[in-house]
């Protein structure tokens, strides 16, 4: 049975769609295609139905990631049963998810950066109001977190 992973940020147009694209791409390269199901969502409905931010896509595509078909959506109560892991991109998102999680939720809610303890960051900062360097830094952290996540999936420790 595949590990089902949902990444969550605020509006689901920058960080979480990038994390979705990174996990999809790196899982395939790691030979885990079909063993991982991935999606992304936002804690807020600011951008529902929109494609990922063009700056996130530009930086991600330069590194070989595919954002095809992604559309912003808001986290739903059903996500807590449909996914094994719900990974917040920062502690504010995790707190919101912890408050929203039903008592009998199937999903484990964690921070993505829990999987990259040596990265020197607990949160992936929101690049939305900054320049290209912010998007690149966010993607660097996401890649580090996803690499640790893939190792945990391989070890079946998640």
N, C-alpha and C. Protein backbone atom coordinates (compact mmCIF):
# COMPACT_ATOMS: atom_id res chain seq x y z
N UNK A 1 0.85 -1.18 0.00
CA UNK A 1 0.00 0.00 0.00
C UNK A 1 0.90 1.25 0.00
N UNK A 2 0.61 2.19 -0.86
CA UNK A 2 1.46 3.39 -0.95
C UNK A 2 1.34 4.28 0.29
N UNK A 3 2.39 5.04 0.56
CA UNK A 3 2.36 6.07 1.59
C UNK A 3 1.70 7.29 0.97
N UNK A 4 0.67 7.79 1.61
CA UNK A 4 -0.09 8.94 1.09
C UNK A 4 0.32 10.19 1.87
N UNK A 5 0.85 11.19 1.13
CA UNK A 5 1.43 12.39 1.73
C UNK A 5 0.72 13.63 1.21
N UNK A 6 0.32 14.51 2.14
CA UNK A 6 -0.27 15.80 1.79
C UNK A 6 0.62 16.90 2.37
N UNK A 7 1.08 17.81 1.51
CA UNK A 7 1.85 18.98 1.95
C UNK A 7 0.90 20.16 2.11
N UNK A 8 1.12 20.95 3.16
CA UNK A 8 0.21 22.07 3.43
C UNK A 8 0.99 23.35 3.73
N UNK A 9 0.61 24.43 3.03
CA UNK A 9 1.09 25.78 3.34
C UNK A 9 -0.14 26.68 3.44
N UNK A 10 0.02 27.97 3.30
CA UNK A 10 -1.10 28.89 3.51
C UNK A 10 -2.10 28.87 2.36
N UNK A 11 -1.65 29.25 1.18
CA UNK A 11 -2.58 29.39 0.05
C UNK A 11 -2.46 28.31 -1.00
N UNK A 12 -1.50 27.40 -0.83
CA UNK A 12 -1.29 26.29 -1.76
C UNK A 12 -0.90 26.77 -3.16
N UNK A 13 -0.03 27.83 -3.21
CA UNK A 13 0.48 28.25 -4.51
C UNK A 13 2.00 28.36 -4.58
N UNK A 14 2.68 28.33 -3.45
CA UNK A 14 4.15 28.45 -3.46
C UNK A 14 4.82 27.22 -2.87
N UNK A 15 4.82 27.12 -1.55
CA UNK A 15 5.60 26.08 -0.88
C UNK A 15 5.02 24.68 -1.04
N UNK A 16 3.75 24.49 -0.75
CA UNK A 16 3.21 23.12 -0.80
C UNK A 16 3.16 22.55 -2.21
N UNK A 17 2.83 23.33 -3.26
CA UNK A 17 2.90 22.73 -4.59
C UNK A 17 4.34 22.41 -5.01
N UNK A 18 5.29 23.21 -4.52
CA UNK A 18 6.70 22.90 -4.79
C UNK A 18 7.07 21.59 -4.12
N UNK A 19 6.66 21.41 -2.88
CA UNK A 19 6.95 20.16 -2.17
C UNK A 19 6.31 18.97 -2.88
N UNK A 20 5.08 19.15 -3.36
CA UNK A 20 4.41 18.09 -4.11
C UNK A 20 5.22 17.71 -5.35
N UNK A 21 5.66 18.71 -6.10
CA UNK A 21 6.43 18.46 -7.32
C UNK A 21 7.76 17.79 -7.00
N UNK A 22 8.42 18.25 -5.93
CA UNK A 22 9.72 17.67 -5.55
C UNK A 22 9.54 16.21 -5.14
N UNK A 23 8.56 15.91 -4.29
CA UNK A 23 8.37 14.52 -3.87
C UNK A 23 8.01 13.64 -5.06
N UNK A 24 7.13 14.12 -5.92
CA UNK A 24 6.75 13.33 -7.08
C UNK A 24 7.98 13.01 -7.94
N UNK A 25 8.81 14.02 -8.20
CA UNK A 25 9.98 13.82 -9.04
C UNK A 25 11.04 12.95 -8.38
N UNK A 26 11.32 13.23 -7.12
CA UNK A 26 12.39 12.48 -6.44
C UNK A 26 11.96 11.06 -6.09
N UNK A 27 10.69 10.84 -5.82
CA UNK A 27 10.21 9.48 -5.57
C UNK A 27 10.36 8.63 -6.82
N UNK A 28 10.04 9.21 -7.97
CA UNK A 28 10.19 8.47 -9.23
C UNK A 28 11.65 8.12 -9.47
N UNK A 29 12.55 9.08 -9.24
CA UNK A 29 13.99 8.82 -9.44
C UNK A 29 14.52 7.80 -8.44
N UNK A 30 13.89 7.72 -7.26
CA UNK A 30 14.33 6.78 -6.22
C UNK A 30 13.72 5.40 -6.41
N UNK A 31 12.93 5.23 -7.49
CA UNK A 31 12.30 3.95 -7.73
C UNK A 31 11.08 3.70 -6.86
N UNK A 32 10.51 4.76 -6.32
CA UNK A 32 9.33 4.64 -5.46
C UNK A 32 8.04 5.04 -6.16
N UNK A 33 8.10 5.19 -7.47
CA UNK A 33 6.89 5.54 -8.21
C UNK A 33 5.84 4.47 -7.94
N UNK A 34 4.65 4.87 -7.59
CA UNK A 34 3.60 3.93 -7.25
C UNK A 34 3.57 3.59 -5.77
N UNK A 35 4.65 3.88 -5.05
CA UNK A 35 4.69 3.63 -3.61
C UNK A 35 4.39 4.88 -2.80
N UNK A 36 4.26 6.01 -3.50
CA UNK A 36 3.97 7.28 -2.84
C UNK A 36 2.86 7.98 -3.61
N UNK A 37 1.84 8.41 -2.89
CA UNK A 37 0.77 9.24 -3.45
C UNK A 37 0.93 10.60 -2.81
N UNK A 38 0.95 11.65 -3.61
CA UNK A 38 1.23 12.99 -3.08
C UNK A 38 0.23 14.01 -3.59
N UNK A 39 -0.11 14.96 -2.72
CA UNK A 39 -1.00 16.06 -3.06
C UNK A 39 -0.57 17.25 -2.20
N UNK A 40 -1.20 18.38 -2.42
CA UNK A 40 -0.92 19.56 -1.61
C UNK A 40 -2.21 20.34 -1.43
N UNK A 41 -2.22 21.18 -0.37
CA UNK A 41 -3.41 21.97 -0.04
C UNK A 41 -2.96 23.18 0.78
N UNK A 42 -3.91 24.07 1.02
CA UNK A 42 -3.64 25.26 1.83
C UNK A 42 -4.52 25.31 3.06
N UNK A 43 -4.07 26.02 4.07
CA UNK A 43 -4.89 26.22 5.26
C UNK A 43 -6.00 27.24 4.99
N UNK A 44 -5.83 28.06 3.96
CA UNK A 44 -6.80 29.08 3.60
C UNK A 44 -7.23 28.92 2.14
N UNK A 45 -8.37 29.46 1.81
CA UNK A 45 -8.94 29.32 0.47
C UNK A 45 -8.65 30.51 -0.43
N UNK A 46 -7.54 31.21 -0.19
CA UNK A 46 -7.23 32.42 -0.94
C UNK A 46 -7.12 32.20 -2.45
N UNK A 47 -6.61 31.05 -2.87
CA UNK A 47 -6.27 30.85 -4.28
C UNK A 47 -6.90 29.60 -4.88
N UNK A 48 -7.98 29.11 -4.30
CA UNK A 48 -8.59 27.86 -4.76
C UNK A 48 -8.80 27.89 -6.26
N UNK A 49 -8.34 26.82 -6.92
CA UNK A 49 -8.50 26.67 -8.36
C UNK A 49 -7.37 27.26 -9.19
N UNK A 50 -6.49 28.04 -8.55
CA UNK A 50 -5.39 28.67 -9.28
C UNK A 50 -4.21 27.71 -9.44
N UNK A 51 -3.42 27.95 -10.47
CA UNK A 51 -2.17 27.22 -10.67
C UNK A 51 -1.14 27.72 -9.67
N UNK A 52 -0.05 26.96 -9.46
CA UNK A 52 1.01 27.44 -8.57
C UNK A 52 1.59 28.76 -9.06
N UNK A 53 2.14 29.53 -8.13
CA UNK A 53 2.76 30.81 -8.41
C UNK A 53 3.83 30.64 -9.49
N UNK A 54 3.83 31.52 -10.47
CA UNK A 54 4.75 31.39 -11.61
C UNK A 54 6.22 31.43 -11.17
N UNK A 55 6.51 32.11 -10.07
CA UNK A 55 7.89 32.15 -9.58
C UNK A 55 8.32 30.81 -9.00
N UNK A 56 7.40 30.15 -8.29
CA UNK A 56 7.70 28.81 -7.78
C UNK A 56 7.91 27.84 -8.93
N UNK A 57 7.06 27.93 -9.92
CA UNK A 57 7.17 27.05 -11.09
C UNK A 57 8.49 27.30 -11.82
N UNK A 58 8.85 28.56 -12.02
CA UNK A 58 10.08 28.88 -12.75
C UNK A 58 11.30 28.31 -12.04
N UNK A 59 11.39 28.52 -10.73
CA UNK A 59 12.54 28.02 -9.97
C UNK A 59 12.52 26.48 -9.95
N UNK A 60 11.35 25.90 -9.76
CA UNK A 60 11.24 24.44 -9.72
C UNK A 60 11.55 23.79 -11.06
N UNK A 61 11.04 24.37 -12.13
CA UNK A 61 11.30 23.78 -13.46
C UNK A 61 12.78 23.83 -13.82
N UNK A 62 13.50 24.87 -13.35
CA UNK A 62 14.94 24.92 -13.61
C UNK A 62 15.67 23.74 -12.97
N UNK A 63 15.06 23.18 -11.91
CA UNK A 63 15.65 22.02 -11.24
C UNK A 63 15.02 20.71 -11.71
N UNK A 64 14.16 20.80 -12.70
CA UNK A 64 13.61 19.59 -13.30
C UNK A 64 12.28 19.11 -12.75
N UNK A 65 11.57 19.93 -11.98
CA UNK A 65 10.31 19.50 -11.39
C UNK A 65 9.13 19.87 -12.27
N UNK A 66 8.09 19.05 -12.23
CA UNK A 66 6.91 19.20 -13.06
C UNK A 66 5.71 19.58 -12.20
N UNK A 67 5.08 20.68 -12.52
CA UNK A 67 3.92 21.19 -11.78
C UNK A 67 2.61 20.97 -12.54
N UNK A 68 2.66 20.21 -13.62
CA UNK A 68 1.50 20.00 -14.48
C UNK A 68 0.29 19.53 -13.70
N UNK A 69 -0.84 20.19 -13.95
CA UNK A 69 -2.11 19.76 -13.38
C UNK A 69 -2.37 20.22 -11.95
N UNK A 70 -1.43 20.87 -11.32
CA UNK A 70 -1.65 21.30 -9.94
C UNK A 70 -2.60 22.49 -9.90
N UNK A 71 -3.54 22.45 -8.96
CA UNK A 71 -4.48 23.54 -8.71
C UNK A 71 -4.64 23.68 -7.21
N UNK A 72 -4.66 24.91 -6.74
CA UNK A 72 -4.78 25.17 -5.31
C UNK A 72 -6.13 24.69 -4.78
N UNK A 73 -6.07 24.14 -3.57
CA UNK A 73 -7.28 23.75 -2.87
C UNK A 73 -7.05 23.95 -1.38
N UNK A 74 -8.10 23.92 -0.63
CA UNK A 74 -8.02 24.07 0.82
C UNK A 74 -8.07 22.69 1.48
N UNK A 75 -7.38 22.53 2.58
CA UNK A 75 -7.44 21.29 3.35
C UNK A 75 -8.89 21.02 3.73
N UNK A 76 -9.29 19.76 3.63
CA UNK A 76 -10.64 19.37 4.01
C UNK A 76 -10.59 18.38 5.17
N UNK A 77 -11.67 18.25 5.91
CA UNK A 77 -11.70 17.27 7.01
C UNK A 77 -11.39 15.85 6.53
N UNK A 78 -11.79 15.53 5.33
CA UNK A 78 -11.56 14.19 4.78
C UNK A 78 -10.06 13.89 4.61
N UNK A 79 -9.25 14.93 4.39
CA UNK A 79 -7.80 14.73 4.22
C UNK A 79 -7.18 14.01 5.41
N UNK A 80 -7.73 14.21 6.60
CA UNK A 80 -7.17 13.59 7.80
C UNK A 80 -7.36 12.07 7.81
N UNK A 81 -8.26 11.58 6.97
CA UNK A 81 -8.44 10.13 6.81
C UNK A 81 -7.82 9.61 5.52
N UNK A 82 -7.77 10.46 4.49
CA UNK A 82 -7.28 10.02 3.18
C UNK A 82 -5.76 9.95 3.09
N UNK A 83 -5.05 10.61 4.00
CA UNK A 83 -3.59 10.65 3.94
C UNK A 83 -2.97 10.02 5.18
N UNK A 84 -1.78 9.48 5.00
CA UNK A 84 -1.03 8.92 6.13
C UNK A 84 -0.24 10.00 6.84
N UNK A 85 0.33 10.92 6.05
CA UNK A 85 1.13 12.02 6.58
C UNK A 85 0.61 13.33 6.03
N UNK A 86 0.37 14.28 6.91
CA UNK A 86 0.08 15.65 6.49
C UNK A 86 1.25 16.47 6.99
N UNK A 87 2.01 17.00 6.03
CA UNK A 87 3.26 17.70 6.36
C UNK A 87 3.10 19.21 6.18
N UNK A 88 3.18 19.92 7.29
CA UNK A 88 3.08 21.37 7.30
C UNK A 88 4.42 21.97 6.91
N UNK A 89 4.37 23.09 6.19
CA UNK A 89 5.60 23.74 5.78
C UNK A 89 6.13 24.71 6.83
N UNK A 90 5.30 25.07 7.81
CA UNK A 90 5.81 25.85 8.94
C UNK A 90 4.97 25.55 10.19
N UNK A 91 5.46 26.04 11.32
CA UNK A 91 4.80 25.73 12.59
C UNK A 91 3.41 26.34 12.71
N UNK A 92 3.16 27.46 12.04
CA UNK A 92 1.82 28.04 12.03
C UNK A 92 0.82 27.12 11.34
N UNK A 93 1.25 26.54 10.22
CA UNK A 93 0.38 25.59 9.51
C UNK A 93 0.13 24.35 10.37
N UNK A 94 1.19 23.88 11.04
CA UNK A 94 1.04 22.69 11.87
C UNK A 94 0.04 22.95 13.00
N UNK A 95 0.13 24.12 13.62
CA UNK A 95 -0.81 24.46 14.69
C UNK A 95 -2.24 24.49 14.17
N UNK A 96 -2.44 25.07 13.00
CA UNK A 96 -3.79 25.12 12.40
C UNK A 96 -4.29 23.71 12.09
N UNK A 97 -3.41 22.86 11.58
CA UNK A 97 -3.79 21.48 11.26
C UNK A 97 -4.09 20.69 12.53
N UNK A 98 -3.29 20.89 13.56
CA UNK A 98 -3.54 20.21 14.84
C UNK A 98 -4.91 20.59 15.39
N UNK A 99 -5.28 21.86 15.26
CA UNK A 99 -6.60 22.31 15.74
C UNK A 99 -7.73 21.72 14.90
N UNK A 100 -7.50 21.55 13.61
CA UNK A 100 -8.54 21.07 12.70
C UNK A 100 -8.69 19.55 12.69
N UNK A 101 -7.67 18.84 13.14
CA UNK A 101 -7.68 17.38 13.05
C UNK A 101 -8.74 16.77 13.96
N UNK A 102 -9.56 15.88 13.40
CA UNK A 102 -10.51 15.16 14.25
C UNK A 102 -9.76 14.27 15.25
N UNK A 103 -10.39 14.00 16.36
CA UNK A 103 -9.76 13.18 17.40
C UNK A 103 -9.37 11.80 16.88
N UNK A 104 -10.12 11.28 15.93
CA UNK A 104 -9.86 9.94 15.40
C UNK A 104 -9.15 9.97 14.04
N UNK A 105 -8.43 11.04 13.77
CA UNK A 105 -7.75 11.20 12.48
C UNK A 105 -6.76 10.07 12.23
N UNK A 106 -6.73 9.60 11.01
CA UNK A 106 -5.76 8.58 10.59
C UNK A 106 -4.39 9.21 10.38
N UNK A 107 -4.36 10.39 9.80
CA UNK A 107 -3.10 11.03 9.39
C UNK A 107 -2.29 11.49 10.59
N UNK A 108 -0.99 11.39 10.43
CA UNK A 108 -0.04 11.98 11.37
C UNK A 108 0.32 13.36 10.83
N UNK A 109 0.20 14.39 11.67
CA UNK A 109 0.52 15.77 11.27
C UNK A 109 1.91 16.10 11.80
N UNK A 110 2.80 16.45 10.88
CA UNK A 110 4.18 16.77 11.24
C UNK A 110 4.66 17.95 10.41
N UNK A 111 5.85 18.43 10.74
CA UNK A 111 6.52 19.43 9.92
C UNK A 111 7.38 18.73 8.88
N UNK A 112 7.41 19.25 7.66
CA UNK A 112 8.30 18.70 6.64
C UNK A 112 9.73 18.70 7.15
N UNK A 113 10.12 19.78 7.80
CA UNK A 113 11.52 19.92 8.22
C UNK A 113 11.91 18.97 9.35
N UNK A 114 10.95 18.25 9.92
CA UNK A 114 11.28 17.16 10.86
C UNK A 114 12.15 16.12 10.18
N UNK A 115 12.04 16.04 8.85
CA UNK A 115 12.78 15.05 8.08
C UNK A 115 14.15 15.56 7.64
N UNK A 116 14.49 16.78 8.02
CA UNK A 116 15.80 17.37 7.69
C UNK A 116 16.34 18.09 8.92
N UNK A 117 16.62 17.35 9.99
CA UNK A 117 17.03 17.99 11.24
C UNK A 117 18.34 18.76 11.14
N UNK A 118 19.17 18.45 10.15
CA UNK A 118 20.45 19.14 10.01
C UNK A 118 20.38 20.36 9.08
N UNK A 119 19.19 20.69 8.58
CA UNK A 119 19.05 21.80 7.63
C UNK A 119 19.13 23.17 8.31
N UNK A 120 19.02 23.19 9.62
CA UNK A 120 19.12 24.46 10.32
C UNK A 120 17.86 25.29 10.31
N UNK A 121 16.72 24.67 9.99
CA UNK A 121 15.44 25.40 9.93
C UNK A 121 14.31 24.46 10.34
N UNK A 122 13.36 24.99 11.08
CA UNK A 122 12.15 24.22 11.41
C UNK A 122 11.03 24.55 10.43
N UNK A 123 11.09 25.78 9.89
CA UNK A 123 10.05 26.25 8.97
C UNK A 123 10.65 26.51 7.60
N UNK A 124 9.83 26.30 6.56
CA UNK A 124 10.18 26.74 5.21
C UNK A 124 9.55 28.13 5.08
N UNK A 125 10.36 29.19 5.00
CA UNK A 125 9.80 30.55 4.95
C UNK A 125 9.00 30.81 3.68
N UNK A 126 7.97 31.61 3.83
CA UNK A 126 7.10 31.94 2.70
C UNK A 126 7.82 32.92 1.78
N UNK A 127 8.05 32.53 0.52
CA UNK A 127 8.77 33.41 -0.40
C UNK A 127 7.86 34.40 -1.14
N UNK A 128 6.56 34.35 -0.91
CA UNK A 128 5.58 35.06 -1.73
C UNK A 128 5.88 36.55 -1.91
N UNK A 129 6.29 37.23 -0.85
CA UNK A 129 6.48 38.68 -0.94
C UNK A 129 7.92 39.08 -1.23
N UNK A 130 8.76 38.11 -1.54
CA UNK A 130 10.17 38.41 -1.80
C UNK A 130 10.56 38.15 -3.23
N UNK A 131 11.85 38.09 -3.45
CA UNK A 131 12.38 37.88 -4.78
C UNK A 131 12.78 36.44 -5.03
N UNK A 132 13.47 36.24 -6.12
CA UNK A 132 13.87 34.91 -6.57
C UNK A 132 14.69 34.15 -5.52
N UNK A 133 15.56 34.85 -4.80
CA UNK A 133 16.40 34.18 -3.79
C UNK A 133 15.55 33.49 -2.74
N UNK A 134 14.43 34.09 -2.37
CA UNK A 134 13.53 33.49 -1.39
C UNK A 134 12.91 32.20 -1.91
N UNK A 135 12.56 32.18 -3.19
CA UNK A 135 11.99 30.97 -3.79
C UNK A 135 13.05 29.87 -3.88
N UNK A 136 14.27 30.25 -4.19
CA UNK A 136 15.35 29.27 -4.26
C UNK A 136 15.67 28.70 -2.88
N UNK A 137 15.69 29.57 -1.86
CA UNK A 137 15.95 29.11 -0.49
C UNK A 137 14.84 28.15 -0.03
N UNK A 138 13.59 28.53 -0.29
CA UNK A 138 12.48 27.65 0.09
C UNK A 138 12.62 26.29 -0.60
N UNK A 139 12.98 26.30 -1.87
CA UNK A 139 13.13 25.04 -2.59
C UNK A 139 14.30 24.22 -2.06
N UNK A 140 15.39 24.88 -1.67
CA UNK A 140 16.52 24.17 -1.05
C UNK A 140 16.05 23.42 0.19
N UNK A 141 15.29 24.10 1.05
CA UNK A 141 14.80 23.47 2.28
C UNK A 141 13.82 22.34 1.97
N UNK A 142 12.93 22.57 1.01
CA UNK A 142 11.97 21.54 0.62
C UNK A 142 12.70 20.30 0.12
N UNK A 143 13.72 20.49 -0.71
CA UNK A 143 14.48 19.34 -1.20
C UNK A 143 15.13 18.57 -0.06
N UNK A 144 15.68 19.27 0.92
CA UNK A 144 16.29 18.61 2.07
C UNK A 144 15.25 17.81 2.85
N UNK A 145 14.08 18.41 3.08
CA UNK A 145 13.01 17.71 3.78
C UNK A 145 12.51 16.50 3.03
N UNK A 146 12.34 16.65 1.72
CA UNK A 146 11.85 15.54 0.90
C UNK A 146 12.88 14.40 0.86
N UNK A 147 14.14 14.73 0.80
CA UNK A 147 15.16 13.67 0.82
C UNK A 147 15.06 12.86 2.10
N UNK A 148 14.89 13.53 3.24
CA UNK A 148 14.72 12.82 4.50
C UNK A 148 13.44 12.02 4.54
N UNK A 149 12.38 12.57 3.96
CA UNK A 149 11.10 11.87 3.89
C UNK A 149 11.23 10.60 3.06
N UNK A 150 11.89 10.70 1.92
CA UNK A 150 12.08 9.52 1.07
C UNK A 150 12.86 8.44 1.82
N UNK A 151 13.87 8.84 2.56
CA UNK A 151 14.63 7.86 3.35
C UNK A 151 13.73 7.19 4.38
N UNK A 152 12.86 7.97 5.02
CA UNK A 152 11.93 7.40 6.01
C UNK A 152 10.91 6.48 5.36
N UNK A 153 10.45 6.83 4.17
CA UNK A 153 9.51 5.96 3.45
C UNK A 153 10.19 4.65 3.09
N UNK A 154 11.41 4.73 2.61
CA UNK A 154 12.18 3.52 2.26
C UNK A 154 12.37 2.62 3.49
N UNK A 155 12.66 3.25 4.62
CA UNK A 155 12.89 2.50 5.86
C UNK A 155 11.58 2.07 6.52
N UNK A 156 10.48 2.54 5.97
CA UNK A 156 9.14 2.28 6.53
C UNK A 156 9.03 2.78 7.97
N UNK A 157 9.71 3.92 8.23
CA UNK A 157 9.67 4.50 9.58
C UNK A 157 8.65 5.64 9.69
N UNK A 158 7.83 5.81 8.66
CA UNK A 158 6.74 6.80 8.73
C UNK A 158 5.41 6.11 8.57
